[in-house]
Each structure stands twice: as structure tokens, then as C-alpha cells.
Amino acid sequence: MEDPVASQTNPTNILVMGIGNLLWADEGFGVRCVEHLSQTWALPENVHILDGGTQGLYLLPFLESADALIVFDAVDYGLEPGTMKTVADDEVPAFMGAKKMSLHQTGFQDVIATAQLLGRCPERLFLIGVQPVELEDYGGGLRPLTASRVAPAVQIAVDTLRDWGVDVQPGQTVAHDLADPSLTRDAYEGGRPSEDAACRTGDDRFFPVKA
């Protein structure tokens, strides 16, 4: 019997998206993945790289115009921190909503559901996720273990794109839908003030003075 996946034609328009919130430590994993992808690989014009952030239903038009979607995210799989897991096609919505870590997951699950109801959801869905180490650190960057998973996650995406017939070469891709340069990982984490200089759990004016 013919494999239905193998018999699919290669997608024409591909969206590679990272979702998450840079302000909450490992929540920024997906965004850092698309940043790394654009910095290290040259992609053709039919592959659109997008920092989806926490935009929720505002992402719907991007899905509607894509035949295939690769999404990076920090996902609570209930596994050991740093564990990577990939999920494809019909399983993606279930994993995006299985155990919420933040509002952006609820929002993206709604995006997929809405696109499916409209009959405009990409035919192929591929989620590359990592079990986060730390989320409760306002203004924090990726933890070292999570950061070490960025390059392998991007390599999985590159291999998937090649399986879909995309010519991917080492280099760079000019992507206009990524975060402002001031928010790149090096600039953001390098410019972060110390914990003593900036409260990371809220506005320190509302906390008692430490003895």
C-alpha cells in the first residue's frame, strides 16, 4: 500500500514560525530558533520565517497562505527538562493545548482550530518542541540546557525542509518578520541588568524592603 505521506506533493509555500515570549526565560525558545535559522541558513523565497511571538489569532493570515507549517515552541510534554520532541500533522493541535504553560499556547491552538474550520489550515504541520527548564524568570534569557537545544531543533527543521524538496544551504536569510535587532539573543541577554538592579518578579515598589 502506498504511504499517504510519501505520496504527498512537496509544499509550495512554507511558513517556519517560532512562538513564545522572550520576557519569560525558556518561553523564548521558539523565537530564538527562528532567529538562529535566519542567521545560519539560506532559504529560498517560498519559505517565510516568522517570529509569531504571542500574537494569537493575528497569525491566522500567515497560516492561511501556507501549504506547510513548521513551528518551534517550548512545550510541556511532561518529560525531563531539555527533552526535545517532534509532533506532526493531526497530533500538533493536541500537543499545543495538552497542558498550558502560557496564554500564547491557548492562542495558537485557537489559530489552528480556526484555520481548520475555514478550510485554510496548512496541509502539513510539524511541531519541534523542547521541555523548558525555567519559565518564572521575568526578563530572563534561555537557560543553558534549553539554549543548547536551539541548533539541534533548527537542524531538524532544515532536514524537514529538505525532505519537502527545499534547497537549503548554509548562509543567511534576510527575514523581515523577526524581532527588532535590539531583541536578538546576544543583545537582549547581554544587556540585562543584574537581579539586584532590576526586580524580576514584578514592580519592586510593591515589595517590602529587604532587611
N, C-alpha and C. Protein backbone atom coordinates (compact mmCIF):
# COMPACT_ATOMS: atom_id res chain seq x y z
N MET A 1 0.85 -1.19 0.00
CA MET A 1 0.00 0.00 0.00
C MET A 1 0.89 1.24 0.00
N GLU A 2 0.48 2.25 -0.76
CA GLU A 2 1.28 3.47 -0.87
C GLU A 2 1.19 4.29 0.41
N ASP A 3 2.33 4.77 0.85
CA ASP A 3 2.38 5.63 2.04
C ASP A 3 1.75 6.98 1.70
N PRO A 4 0.64 7.39 2.39
CA PRO A 4 -0.02 8.64 2.04
C PRO A 4 0.86 9.85 2.25
N VAL A 5 1.78 9.78 3.23
CA VAL A 5 2.67 10.91 3.46
C VAL A 5 3.68 11.02 2.34
N ALA A 6 4.25 9.87 1.95
CA ALA A 6 5.26 9.88 0.89
C ALA A 6 4.66 10.30 -0.44
N SER A 7 3.35 10.03 -0.63
CA SER A 7 2.72 10.35 -1.91
C SER A 7 2.33 11.81 -2.02
N GLN A 8 2.43 12.59 -0.94
CA GLN A 8 2.09 14.00 -0.98
C GLN A 8 3.09 14.76 -1.85
N THR A 9 2.58 15.71 -2.58
CA THR A 9 3.48 16.57 -3.34
C THR A 9 4.18 17.53 -2.40
N ASN A 10 5.33 18.02 -2.83
CA ASN A 10 6.07 18.96 -1.99
C ASN A 10 5.30 20.27 -1.88
N PRO A 11 5.28 20.86 -0.69
CA PRO A 11 4.54 22.12 -0.50
C PRO A 11 5.20 23.26 -1.27
N THR A 12 4.36 24.20 -1.67
CA THR A 12 4.84 25.36 -2.44
C THR A 12 5.20 26.52 -1.54
N ASN A 13 4.32 26.82 -0.58
CA ASN A 13 4.55 27.94 0.34
C ASN A 13 4.68 27.40 1.76
N ILE A 14 5.83 27.66 2.36
CA ILE A 14 6.13 27.08 3.68
C ILE A 14 6.34 28.20 4.69
N LEU A 15 5.71 28.06 5.83
CA LEU A 15 5.88 29.01 6.93
C LEU A 15 6.67 28.32 8.05
N VAL A 16 7.77 28.95 8.45
CA VAL A 16 8.55 28.47 9.59
C VAL A 16 8.42 29.52 10.68
N MET A 17 7.80 29.15 11.78
CA MET A 17 7.43 30.13 12.79
C MET A 17 7.91 29.71 14.18
N GLY A 18 8.35 30.69 14.94
CA GLY A 18 8.67 30.48 16.34
C GLY A 18 7.68 31.25 17.19
N ILE A 19 7.11 30.61 18.19
CA ILE A 19 6.17 31.30 19.06
C ILE A 19 6.68 31.25 20.49
N GLY A 20 6.24 32.23 21.29
CA GLY A 20 6.67 32.30 22.67
C GLY A 20 6.94 33.73 23.09
N ASN A 21 7.33 33.87 24.34
CA ASN A 21 7.52 35.19 24.94
C ASN A 21 8.95 35.33 25.44
N LEU A 22 9.70 36.23 24.82
CA LEU A 22 11.10 36.43 25.18
C LEU A 22 11.28 36.88 26.64
N LEU A 23 10.24 37.44 27.23
CA LEU A 23 10.37 38.00 28.57
C LEU A 23 10.38 36.96 29.68
N TRP A 24 10.06 35.72 29.35
CA TRP A 24 9.95 34.71 30.39
C TRP A 24 10.87 33.52 30.11
N ALA A 25 12.17 33.78 30.19
CA ALA A 25 13.19 32.73 30.14
C ALA A 25 12.98 31.77 28.97
N ASP A 26 12.77 30.47 29.26
CA ASP A 26 12.69 29.46 28.21
C ASP A 26 11.46 29.58 27.34
N GLU A 27 10.53 30.45 27.71
CA GLU A 27 9.39 30.72 26.85
C GLU A 27 9.83 31.29 25.50
N GLY A 28 11.03 31.82 25.46
CA GLY A 28 11.54 32.41 24.22
C GLY A 28 12.19 31.42 23.28
N PHE A 29 12.14 30.14 23.58
CA PHE A 29 12.83 29.14 22.77
C PHE A 29 12.44 29.20 21.29
N GLY A 30 11.16 29.24 21.00
CA GLY A 30 10.72 29.23 19.61
C GLY A 30 11.21 30.43 18.84
N VAL A 31 11.17 31.59 19.48
CA VAL A 31 11.63 32.82 18.84
C VAL A 31 13.13 32.74 18.57
N ARG A 32 13.89 32.21 19.51
CA ARG A 32 15.34 32.07 19.32
C ARG A 32 15.67 31.08 18.21
N CYS A 33 14.82 30.10 18.00
CA CYS A 33 15.05 29.13 16.93
C CYS A 33 14.94 29.78 15.54
N VAL A 34 13.90 30.58 15.32
CA VAL A 34 13.78 31.21 14.00
C VAL A 34 14.87 32.26 13.80
N GLU A 35 15.29 32.89 14.89
CA GLU A 35 16.41 33.83 14.81
C GLU A 35 17.67 33.10 14.35
N HIS A 36 17.94 31.95 14.98
CA HIS A 36 19.13 31.16 14.62
C HIS A 36 19.02 30.64 13.19
N LEU A 37 17.85 30.22 12.79
CA LEU A 37 17.63 29.73 11.42
C LEU A 37 18.00 30.80 10.40
N SER A 38 17.53 32.02 10.64
CA SER A 38 17.80 33.10 9.68
C SER A 38 19.28 33.47 9.65
N GLN A 39 19.97 33.28 10.76
CA GLN A 39 21.39 33.65 10.85
C GLN A 39 22.33 32.61 10.26
N THR A 40 21.87 31.38 10.11
CA THR A 40 22.78 30.30 9.75
C THR A 40 22.43 29.55 8.47
N TRP A 41 21.23 29.77 7.93
CA TRP A 41 20.82 29.04 6.74
C TRP A 41 20.19 29.97 5.71
N ALA A 42 20.50 29.71 4.44
CA ALA A 42 19.94 30.47 3.32
C ALA A 42 18.74 29.70 2.77
N LEU A 43 17.59 30.34 2.79
CA LEU A 43 16.35 29.70 2.36
C LEU A 43 15.79 30.40 1.12
N PRO A 44 15.11 29.66 0.26
CA PRO A 44 14.51 30.28 -0.93
C PRO A 44 13.29 31.12 -0.57
N GLU A 45 12.79 31.85 -1.55
CA GLU A 45 11.71 32.82 -1.30
C GLU A 45 10.40 32.17 -0.90
N ASN A 46 10.21 30.90 -1.21
CA ASN A 46 8.93 30.26 -0.86
C ASN A 46 8.87 29.81 0.59
N VAL A 47 9.95 30.07 1.35
CA VAL A 47 9.96 29.76 2.78
C VAL A 47 9.96 31.07 3.55
N HIS A 48 8.92 31.27 4.34
CA HIS A 48 8.74 32.51 5.10
C HIS A 48 9.07 32.26 6.56
N ILE A 49 10.02 33.01 7.10
CA ILE A 49 10.40 32.89 8.52
C ILE A 49 9.67 33.97 9.31
N LEU A 50 9.03 33.56 10.41
CA LEU A 50 8.20 34.48 11.18
C LEU A 50 8.40 34.32 12.68
N ASP A 51 8.60 35.44 13.36
CA ASP A 51 8.54 35.48 14.82
C ASP A 51 7.08 35.69 15.19
N GLY A 52 6.42 34.60 15.61
CA GLY A 52 5.00 34.68 15.91
C GLY A 52 4.72 35.23 17.30
N GLY A 53 5.74 35.30 18.16
CA GLY A 53 5.57 35.87 19.48
C GLY A 53 4.39 35.29 20.21
N THR A 54 3.52 36.17 20.68
CA THR A 54 2.29 35.78 21.40
C THR A 54 1.07 36.39 20.70
N GLN A 55 1.11 36.47 19.38
CA GLN A 55 0.11 37.23 18.64
C GLN A 55 -1.23 36.54 18.47
N GLY A 56 -1.31 35.26 18.77
CA GLY A 56 -2.61 34.58 18.72
C GLY A 56 -3.26 34.63 17.36
N LEU A 57 -4.53 35.02 17.33
CA LEU A 57 -5.30 34.99 16.09
C LEU A 57 -4.78 35.95 15.02
N TYR A 58 -3.92 36.88 15.39
CA TYR A 58 -3.30 37.74 14.37
C TYR A 58 -2.41 36.93 13.44
N LEU A 59 -2.08 35.70 13.83
CA LEU A 59 -1.24 34.84 12.99
C LEU A 59 -2.04 34.11 11.92
N LEU A 60 -3.36 34.18 12.01
CA LEU A 60 -4.21 33.42 11.08
C LEU A 60 -3.90 33.68 9.61
N PRO A 61 -3.74 34.93 9.17
CA PRO A 61 -3.45 35.16 7.74
C PRO A 61 -2.17 34.48 7.26
N PHE A 62 -1.19 34.34 8.14
CA PHE A 62 0.06 33.68 7.75
C PHE A 62 -0.18 32.19 7.52
N LEU A 63 -1.01 31.57 8.38
CA LEU A 63 -1.32 30.16 8.18
C LEU A 63 -2.15 29.94 6.92
N GLU A 64 -3.06 30.86 6.66
CA GLU A 64 -3.95 30.70 5.52
C GLU A 64 -3.19 30.70 4.19
N SER A 65 -2.06 31.37 4.15
CA SER A 65 -1.31 31.46 2.90
C SER A 65 -0.23 30.39 2.77
N ALA A 66 -0.16 29.47 3.74
CA ALA A 66 0.89 28.45 3.73
C ALA A 66 0.32 27.07 3.41
N ASP A 67 1.14 26.28 2.70
CA ASP A 67 0.80 24.88 2.44
C ASP A 67 1.34 23.97 3.54
N ALA A 68 2.40 24.45 4.20
CA ALA A 68 3.04 23.64 5.25
C ALA A 68 3.56 24.58 6.33
N LEU A 69 3.54 24.10 7.56
CA LEU A 69 3.97 24.91 8.70
C LEU A 69 4.93 24.10 9.57
N ILE A 70 6.07 24.71 9.88
CA ILE A 70 6.98 24.21 10.90
C ILE A 70 6.96 25.22 12.03
N VAL A 71 6.70 24.76 13.24
CA VAL A 71 6.62 25.69 14.38
C VAL A 71 7.54 25.21 15.50
N PHE A 72 8.30 26.15 16.04
CA PHE A 72 9.15 25.90 17.21
C PHE A 72 8.45 26.45 18.45
N ASP A 73 8.56 25.72 19.56
CA ASP A 73 7.94 26.22 20.79
C ASP A 73 8.50 25.47 22.00
N ALA A 74 8.39 26.10 23.15
CA ALA A 74 8.62 25.42 24.42
C ALA A 74 7.30 24.78 24.82
N VAL A 75 7.31 23.47 25.00
CA VAL A 75 6.07 22.72 25.22
C VAL A 75 6.23 21.83 26.45
N ASP A 76 5.22 21.82 27.30
CA ASP A 76 5.25 20.95 28.47
C ASP A 76 4.74 19.57 28.06
N TYR A 77 5.69 18.70 27.71
CA TYR A 77 5.36 17.33 27.34
C TYR A 77 5.28 16.42 28.56
N GLY A 78 5.64 16.95 29.73
CA GLY A 78 5.72 16.12 30.92
C GLY A 78 6.97 15.27 30.94
N LEU A 79 8.02 15.72 30.26
CA LEU A 79 9.28 14.99 30.17
C LEU A 79 10.37 15.70 30.96
N GLU A 80 11.56 15.15 30.93
CA GLU A 80 12.69 15.78 31.61
C GLU A 80 13.03 17.11 30.94
N PRO A 81 13.39 18.14 31.72
CA PRO A 81 13.77 19.42 31.12
C PRO A 81 14.86 19.24 30.07
N GLY A 82 14.69 19.95 28.96
CA GLY A 82 15.64 19.87 27.87
C GLY A 82 15.32 18.81 26.84
N THR A 83 14.34 17.95 27.13
CA THR A 83 13.97 16.90 26.18
C THR A 83 13.30 17.51 24.96
N MET A 84 13.75 17.10 23.79
CA MET A 84 13.13 17.56 22.55
C MET A 84 12.18 16.51 22.01
N LYS A 85 11.10 16.96 21.38
CA LYS A 85 10.12 16.05 20.83
C LYS A 85 9.49 16.70 19.60
N THR A 86 9.27 15.91 18.56
CA THR A 86 8.60 16.41 17.37
C THR A 86 7.24 15.75 17.24
N VAL A 87 6.29 16.51 16.73
CA VAL A 87 4.92 16.04 16.54
C VAL A 87 4.47 16.51 15.16
N ALA A 88 3.72 15.68 14.45
CA ALA A 88 3.35 16.03 13.09
C ALA A 88 1.84 15.98 12.87
N ASP A 89 1.40 16.84 11.98
CA ASP A 89 0.05 16.84 11.41
C ASP A 89 -1.06 16.85 12.45
N ASP A 90 -1.94 15.84 12.46
CA ASP A 90 -3.14 15.90 13.30
C ASP A 90 -2.82 15.93 14.80
N GLU A 91 -1.63 15.49 15.19
CA GLU A 91 -1.28 15.47 16.61
C GLU A 91 -0.86 16.84 17.14
N VAL A 92 -0.52 17.76 16.23
CA VAL A 92 0.01 19.05 16.66
C VAL A 92 -0.98 19.83 17.52
N PRO A 93 -2.25 20.01 17.11
CA PRO A 93 -3.17 20.78 17.96
C PRO A 93 -3.31 20.21 19.37
N ALA A 94 -3.31 18.89 19.49
CA ALA A 94 -3.46 18.27 20.81
C ALA A 94 -2.29 18.60 21.70
N PHE A 95 -1.08 18.55 21.17
CA PHE A 95 0.09 18.84 21.99
C PHE A 95 0.18 20.32 22.32
N MET A 96 -0.27 21.18 21.42
CA MET A 96 -0.22 22.61 21.71
C MET A 96 -1.16 22.99 22.84
N GLY A 97 -2.18 22.17 23.09
CA GLY A 97 -3.14 22.52 24.12
C GLY A 97 -3.24 21.53 25.26
N ALA A 98 -2.32 20.55 25.29
CA ALA A 98 -2.42 19.50 26.30
C ALA A 98 -2.25 20.03 27.71
N LYS A 99 -1.25 20.85 27.91
CA LYS A 99 -1.00 21.42 29.23
C LYS A 99 -0.46 22.82 29.04
N LYS A 100 -1.28 23.82 29.32
CA LYS A 100 -0.90 25.20 29.04
C LYS A 100 0.21 25.67 29.98
N MET A 101 1.19 26.32 29.39
CA MET A 101 2.22 26.97 30.19
C MET A 101 2.03 28.48 30.16
N SER A 102 1.33 28.95 29.13
CA SER A 102 1.16 30.39 28.98
C SER A 102 0.00 30.66 28.05
N LEU A 103 -0.41 31.91 27.97
CA LEU A 103 -1.54 32.28 27.13
C LEU A 103 -1.26 32.06 25.66
N HIS A 104 0.03 32.11 25.24
CA HIS A 104 0.30 32.00 23.81
C HIS A 104 -0.07 30.63 23.28
N GLN A 105 0.00 29.57 24.11
CA GLN A 105 -0.36 28.25 23.62
C GLN A 105 -1.85 28.15 23.36
N THR A 106 -2.65 28.69 24.27
CA THR A 106 -4.09 28.72 24.04
C THR A 106 -4.38 29.46 22.75
N GLY A 107 -3.71 30.59 22.55
CA GLY A 107 -3.95 31.40 21.37
C GLY A 107 -3.59 30.66 20.10
N PHE A 108 -2.47 29.94 20.09
CA PHE A 108 -2.07 29.27 18.86
C PHE A 108 -2.93 28.05 18.58
N GLN A 109 -3.38 27.39 19.61
CA GLN A 109 -4.32 26.28 19.39
C GLN A 109 -5.60 26.81 18.74
N ASP A 110 -6.04 27.99 19.16
CA ASP A 110 -7.21 28.61 18.55
C ASP A 110 -6.95 28.98 17.09
N VAL A 111 -5.73 29.41 16.80
CA VAL A 111 -5.38 29.76 15.42
C VAL A 111 -5.52 28.54 14.51
N ILE A 112 -4.97 27.41 14.95
CA ILE A 112 -5.05 26.19 14.16
C ILE A 112 -6.51 25.76 13.99
N ALA A 113 -7.26 25.79 15.08
CA ALA A 113 -8.67 25.37 15.01
C ALA A 113 -9.46 26.26 14.07
N THR A 114 -9.22 27.57 14.13
CA THR A 114 -9.93 28.50 13.25
C THR A 114 -9.56 28.26 11.80
N ALA A 115 -8.28 28.06 11.52
CA ALA A 115 -7.83 27.79 10.15
C ALA A 115 -8.45 26.50 9.62
N GLN A 116 -8.58 25.49 10.49
CA GLN A 116 -9.20 24.24 10.07
C GLN A 116 -10.68 24.43 9.77
N LEU A 117 -11.37 25.20 10.59
CA LEU A 117 -12.80 25.46 10.36
C LEU A 117 -13.02 26.19 9.05
N LEU A 118 -12.09 27.06 8.70
CA LEU A 118 -12.20 27.82 7.46
C LEU A 118 -11.70 27.04 6.25
N GLY A 119 -11.15 25.86 6.50
CA GLY A 119 -10.60 25.08 5.41
C GLY A 119 -9.33 25.67 4.84
N ARG A 120 -8.59 26.43 5.67
CA ARG A 120 -7.39 27.12 5.19
C ARG A 120 -6.16 26.78 6.03
N CYS A 121 -6.20 25.66 6.71
CA CYS A 121 -5.06 25.26 7.52
C CYS A 121 -4.01 24.59 6.63
N PRO A 122 -2.73 24.82 6.87
CA PRO A 122 -1.71 24.14 6.08
C PRO A 122 -1.92 22.63 6.09
N GLU A 123 -1.66 21.99 4.96
CA GLU A 123 -1.85 20.55 4.86
C GLU A 123 -0.88 19.80 5.75
N ARG A 124 0.30 20.36 5.94
CA ARG A 124 1.31 19.70 6.76
C ARG A 124 1.65 20.59 7.97
N LEU A 125 1.65 19.99 9.13
CA LEU A 125 2.01 20.68 10.37
C LEU A 125 3.14 19.90 11.03
N PHE A 126 4.14 20.61 11.51
CA PHE A 126 5.27 19.95 12.15
C PHE A 126 5.74 20.80 13.32
N LEU A 127 5.61 20.26 14.52
CA LEU A 127 5.99 20.96 15.75
C LEU A 127 7.32 20.42 16.26
N ILE A 128 8.25 21.34 16.51
CA ILE A 128 9.53 21.00 17.13
C ILE A 128 9.55 21.67 18.49
N GLY A 129 9.45 20.87 19.54
CA GLY A 129 9.31 21.44 20.88
C GLY A 129 10.39 20.97 21.82
N VAL A 130 10.57 21.74 22.87
CA VAL A 130 11.52 21.38 23.92
C VAL A 130 10.82 21.54 25.27
N GLN A 131 11.11 20.62 26.18
CA GLN A 131 10.62 20.74 27.55
C GLN A 131 11.44 21.83 28.25
N PRO A 132 10.82 22.92 28.72
CA PRO A 132 11.58 24.02 29.30
C PRO A 132 12.18 23.67 30.65
N VAL A 133 13.22 24.40 30.99
CA VAL A 133 13.85 24.28 32.30
C VAL A 133 13.25 25.28 33.27
N GLU A 134 13.10 26.54 32.84
CA GLU A 134 12.66 27.63 33.71
C GLU A 134 11.79 28.59 32.93
N LEU A 135 10.66 28.95 33.52
CA LEU A 135 9.77 29.95 32.92
C LEU A 135 9.57 31.15 33.83
N GLU A 136 9.67 30.95 35.14
CA GLU A 136 9.36 32.01 36.10
C GLU A 136 10.56 32.91 36.37
N ASP A 137 11.02 33.57 35.33
CA ASP A 137 12.14 34.50 35.47
C ASP A 137 11.88 35.66 34.54
N TYR A 138 11.19 36.66 35.02
CA TYR A 138 10.79 37.79 34.17
C TYR A 138 12.02 38.54 33.67
N GLY A 139 12.10 38.70 32.37
CA GLY A 139 13.24 39.35 31.75
C GLY A 139 14.41 38.43 31.51
N GLY A 140 14.26 37.16 31.89
CA GLY A 140 15.36 36.22 31.78
C GLY A 140 15.55 35.67 30.38
N GLY A 141 16.76 35.18 30.12
CA GLY A 141 17.07 34.54 28.85
C GLY A 141 16.93 33.03 28.95
N LEU A 142 17.27 32.35 27.87
CA LEU A 142 17.20 30.89 27.86
C LEU A 142 18.18 30.31 28.87
N ARG A 143 17.77 29.26 29.54
CA ARG A 143 18.68 28.53 30.40
C ARG A 143 19.66 27.76 29.52
N PRO A 144 20.87 27.52 30.00
CA PRO A 144 21.89 26.88 29.17
C PRO A 144 21.44 25.58 28.51
N LEU A 145 20.72 24.74 29.26
CA LEU A 145 20.26 23.47 28.69
C LEU A 145 19.30 23.71 27.54
N THR A 146 18.36 24.63 27.72
CA THR A 146 17.40 24.95 26.67
C THR A 146 18.10 25.59 25.48
N ALA A 147 19.04 26.49 25.76
CA ALA A 147 19.78 27.14 24.68
C ALA A 147 20.55 26.13 23.84
N SER A 148 21.04 25.06 24.48
CA SER A 148 21.81 24.06 23.75
C SER A 148 20.94 23.27 22.78
N ARG A 149 19.63 23.40 22.90
CA ARG A 149 18.71 22.67 22.01
C ARG A 149 18.31 23.49 20.78
N VAL A 150 18.70 24.75 20.73
CA VAL A 150 18.30 25.60 19.60
C VAL A 150 18.88 25.09 18.29
N ALA A 151 20.19 24.90 18.23
CA ALA A 151 20.81 24.44 16.98
C ALA A 151 20.29 23.07 16.54
N PRO A 152 20.16 22.07 17.44
CA PRO A 152 19.59 20.80 17.01
C PRO A 152 18.15 20.92 16.51
N ALA A 153 17.36 21.79 17.14
CA ALA A 153 15.98 22.00 16.69
C ALA A 153 15.96 22.58 15.29
N VAL A 154 16.84 23.55 15.05
CA VAL A 154 16.91 24.16 13.72
C VAL A 154 17.37 23.12 12.69
N GLN A 155 18.29 22.24 13.07
CA GLN A 155 18.74 21.20 12.14
C GLN A 155 17.59 20.27 11.76
N ILE A 156 16.72 19.96 12.73
CA ILE A 156 15.55 19.14 12.42
C ILE A 156 14.67 19.85 11.39
N ALA A 157 14.50 21.16 11.57
CA ALA A 157 13.70 21.92 10.61
C ALA A 157 14.34 21.91 9.23
N VAL A 158 15.66 22.08 9.18
CA VAL A 158 16.38 22.06 7.90
C VAL A 158 16.20 20.70 7.22
N ASP A 159 16.35 19.63 7.97
CA ASP A 159 16.18 18.29 7.40
C ASP A 159 14.76 18.10 6.89
N THR A 160 13.77 18.63 7.62
CA THR A 160 12.38 18.52 7.18
C THR A 160 12.15 19.30 5.90
N LEU A 161 12.69 20.50 5.83
CA LEU A 161 12.56 21.30 4.61
C LEU A 161 13.18 20.58 3.41
N ARG A 162 14.32 19.98 3.62
CA ARG A 162 14.96 19.24 2.53
C ARG A 162 14.11 18.05 2.11
N ASP A 163 13.48 17.38 3.08
CA ASP A 163 12.58 16.28 2.76
C ASP A 163 11.41 16.76 1.91
N TRP A 164 11.04 18.03 2.09
CA TRP A 164 9.95 18.63 1.32
C TRP A 164 10.43 19.22 0.00
N GLY A 165 11.69 18.96 -0.36
CA GLY A 165 12.19 19.41 -1.64
C GLY A 165 12.76 20.81 -1.65
N VAL A 166 13.00 21.40 -0.49
CA VAL A 166 13.51 22.76 -0.40
C VAL A 166 15.04 22.73 -0.46
N ASP A 167 15.61 23.63 -1.25
CA ASP A 167 17.06 23.76 -1.34
C ASP A 167 17.54 24.66 -0.20
N VAL A 168 18.12 24.05 0.82
CA VAL A 168 18.60 24.78 1.99
C VAL A 168 20.12 24.70 2.01
N GLN A 169 20.77 25.86 2.08
CA GLN A 169 22.22 25.91 2.07
C GLN A 169 22.72 26.74 3.26
N PRO A 170 23.93 26.45 3.75
CA PRO A 170 24.49 27.31 4.80
C PRO A 170 24.59 28.75 4.33
N GLY A 171 24.32 29.68 5.21
CA GLY A 171 24.33 31.09 4.86
C GLY A 171 23.42 31.88 5.77
N GLN A 172 22.76 32.86 5.21
CA GLN A 172 21.83 33.69 5.97
C GLN A 172 20.59 33.98 5.13
N THR A 173 19.50 34.25 5.84
CA THR A 173 18.25 34.63 5.18
C THR A 173 17.80 35.96 5.75
N VAL A 174 17.56 36.93 4.89
CA VAL A 174 17.02 38.21 5.34
C VAL A 174 15.54 38.00 5.63
N ALA A 175 15.17 38.11 6.89
CA ALA A 175 13.79 37.88 7.31
C ALA A 175 13.25 39.18 7.91
N HIS A 176 12.18 39.69 7.33
CA HIS A 176 11.64 40.98 7.78
C HIS A 176 10.61 40.84 8.90
N ASP A 177 10.25 39.61 9.23
CA ASP A 177 9.22 39.40 10.25
C ASP A 177 9.78 38.75 11.51
N LEU A 178 11.01 39.16 11.85
CA LEU A 178 11.60 38.74 13.12
C LEU A 178 11.61 39.91 14.08
N ALA A 179 12.01 39.65 15.32
CA ALA A 179 12.05 40.70 16.34
C ALA A 179 13.05 41.78 15.96
N ASP A 180 12.88 42.94 16.55
CA ASP A 180 13.81 44.05 16.33
C ASP A 180 15.23 43.61 16.70
N PRO A 181 16.25 44.09 15.97
CA PRO A 181 17.64 43.71 16.27
C PRO A 181 18.04 43.92 17.73
N SER A 182 17.43 44.87 18.40
CA SER A 182 17.76 45.11 19.81
C SER A 182 17.33 43.95 20.70
N LEU A 183 16.49 43.05 20.17
CA LEU A 183 15.99 41.92 20.95
C LEU A 183 16.64 40.60 20.56
N THR A 184 17.64 40.64 19.69
CA THR A 184 18.36 39.40 19.40
C THR A 184 18.95 38.85 20.70
N ARG A 185 19.22 37.56 20.70
CA ARG A 185 19.63 36.93 21.96
C ARG A 185 20.86 37.58 22.57
N ASP A 186 21.89 37.84 21.76
CA ASP A 186 23.12 38.43 22.31
C ASP A 186 22.86 39.81 22.91
N ALA A 187 22.08 40.63 22.19
CA ALA A 187 21.81 41.98 22.67
C ALA A 187 20.92 41.96 23.90
N TYR A 188 19.90 41.12 23.87
CA TYR A 188 18.93 41.07 24.96
C TYR A 188 19.53 40.53 26.25
N GLU A 189 20.19 39.38 26.14
CA GLU A 189 20.74 38.77 27.35
C GLU A 189 21.98 39.52 27.82
N GLY A 190 22.76 40.06 26.89
CA GLY A 190 23.96 40.79 27.27
C GLY A 190 23.65 42.11 27.95
N GLY A 191 22.51 42.70 27.62
CA GLY A 191 22.15 43.98 28.20
C GLY A 191 21.26 43.90 29.41
N ARG A 192 21.01 42.67 29.88
CA ARG A 192 20.11 42.51 31.02
C ARG A 192 20.78 42.96 32.31
N PRO A 193 20.12 43.81 33.09
CA PRO A 193 20.71 44.23 34.37
C PRO A 193 20.71 43.09 35.37
N SER A 194 21.50 43.24 36.40
CA SER A 194 21.58 42.20 37.43
C SER A 194 20.26 42.11 38.20
N GLU A 195 20.10 41.02 38.92
CA GLU A 195 18.88 40.84 39.71
C GLU A 195 18.78 41.90 40.81
N ASP A 196 19.91 42.34 41.33
CA ASP A 196 19.90 43.39 42.35
C ASP A 196 19.47 44.73 41.78
N ALA A 197 19.79 44.96 40.50
CA ALA A 197 19.47 46.25 39.88
C ALA A 197 18.05 46.30 39.34
N ALA A 198 17.48 45.14 39.03
CA ALA A 198 16.14 45.14 38.43
C ALA A 198 15.35 43.95 38.97
N CYS A 199 14.23 44.24 39.62
CA CYS A 199 13.38 43.19 40.16
C CYS A 199 12.83 42.33 39.02
N ARG A 200 12.88 41.03 39.19
CA ARG A 200 12.46 40.13 38.11
C ARG A 200 11.11 39.47 38.39
N THR A 201 10.46 39.81 39.46
CA THR A 201 9.18 39.21 39.78
C THR A 201 8.04 40.22 39.77
N GLY A 202 8.31 41.44 39.40
CA GLY A 202 7.28 42.47 39.37
C GLY A 202 7.88 43.82 39.72
N ASP A 203 7.05 44.76 40.07
CA ASP A 203 7.49 46.11 40.40
C ASP A 203 7.95 46.14 41.86
N ASP A 204 9.26 46.38 42.07
CA ASP A 204 9.80 46.30 43.42
C ASP A 204 9.29 47.40 44.35
N ARG A 205 8.56 48.36 43.82
CA ARG A 205 7.96 49.39 44.68
C ARG A 205 6.86 48.80 45.56
N PHE A 206 6.36 47.63 45.16
CA PHE A 206 5.27 47.00 45.90
C PHE A 206 5.73 45.83 46.77
N PHE A 207 7.04 45.72 46.93
CA PHE A 207 7.60 44.67 47.76
C PHE A 207 8.23 45.31 49.00
N PRO A 208 8.18 44.62 50.13
CA PRO A 208 8.82 45.17 51.34
C PRO A 208 10.33 45.27 51.17
N VAL A 209 10.92 46.23 51.84
CA VAL A 209 12.36 46.42 51.80
C VAL A 209 13.03 45.24 52.50
N LYS A 210 14.06 44.68 51.85
CA LYS A 210 14.77 43.56 52.45
C LYS A 210 15.61 44.05 53.65
N ALA A 211 15.60 43.25 54.70
CA ALA A 211 16.37 43.60 55.88
C ALA A 211 17.86 43.50 55.61
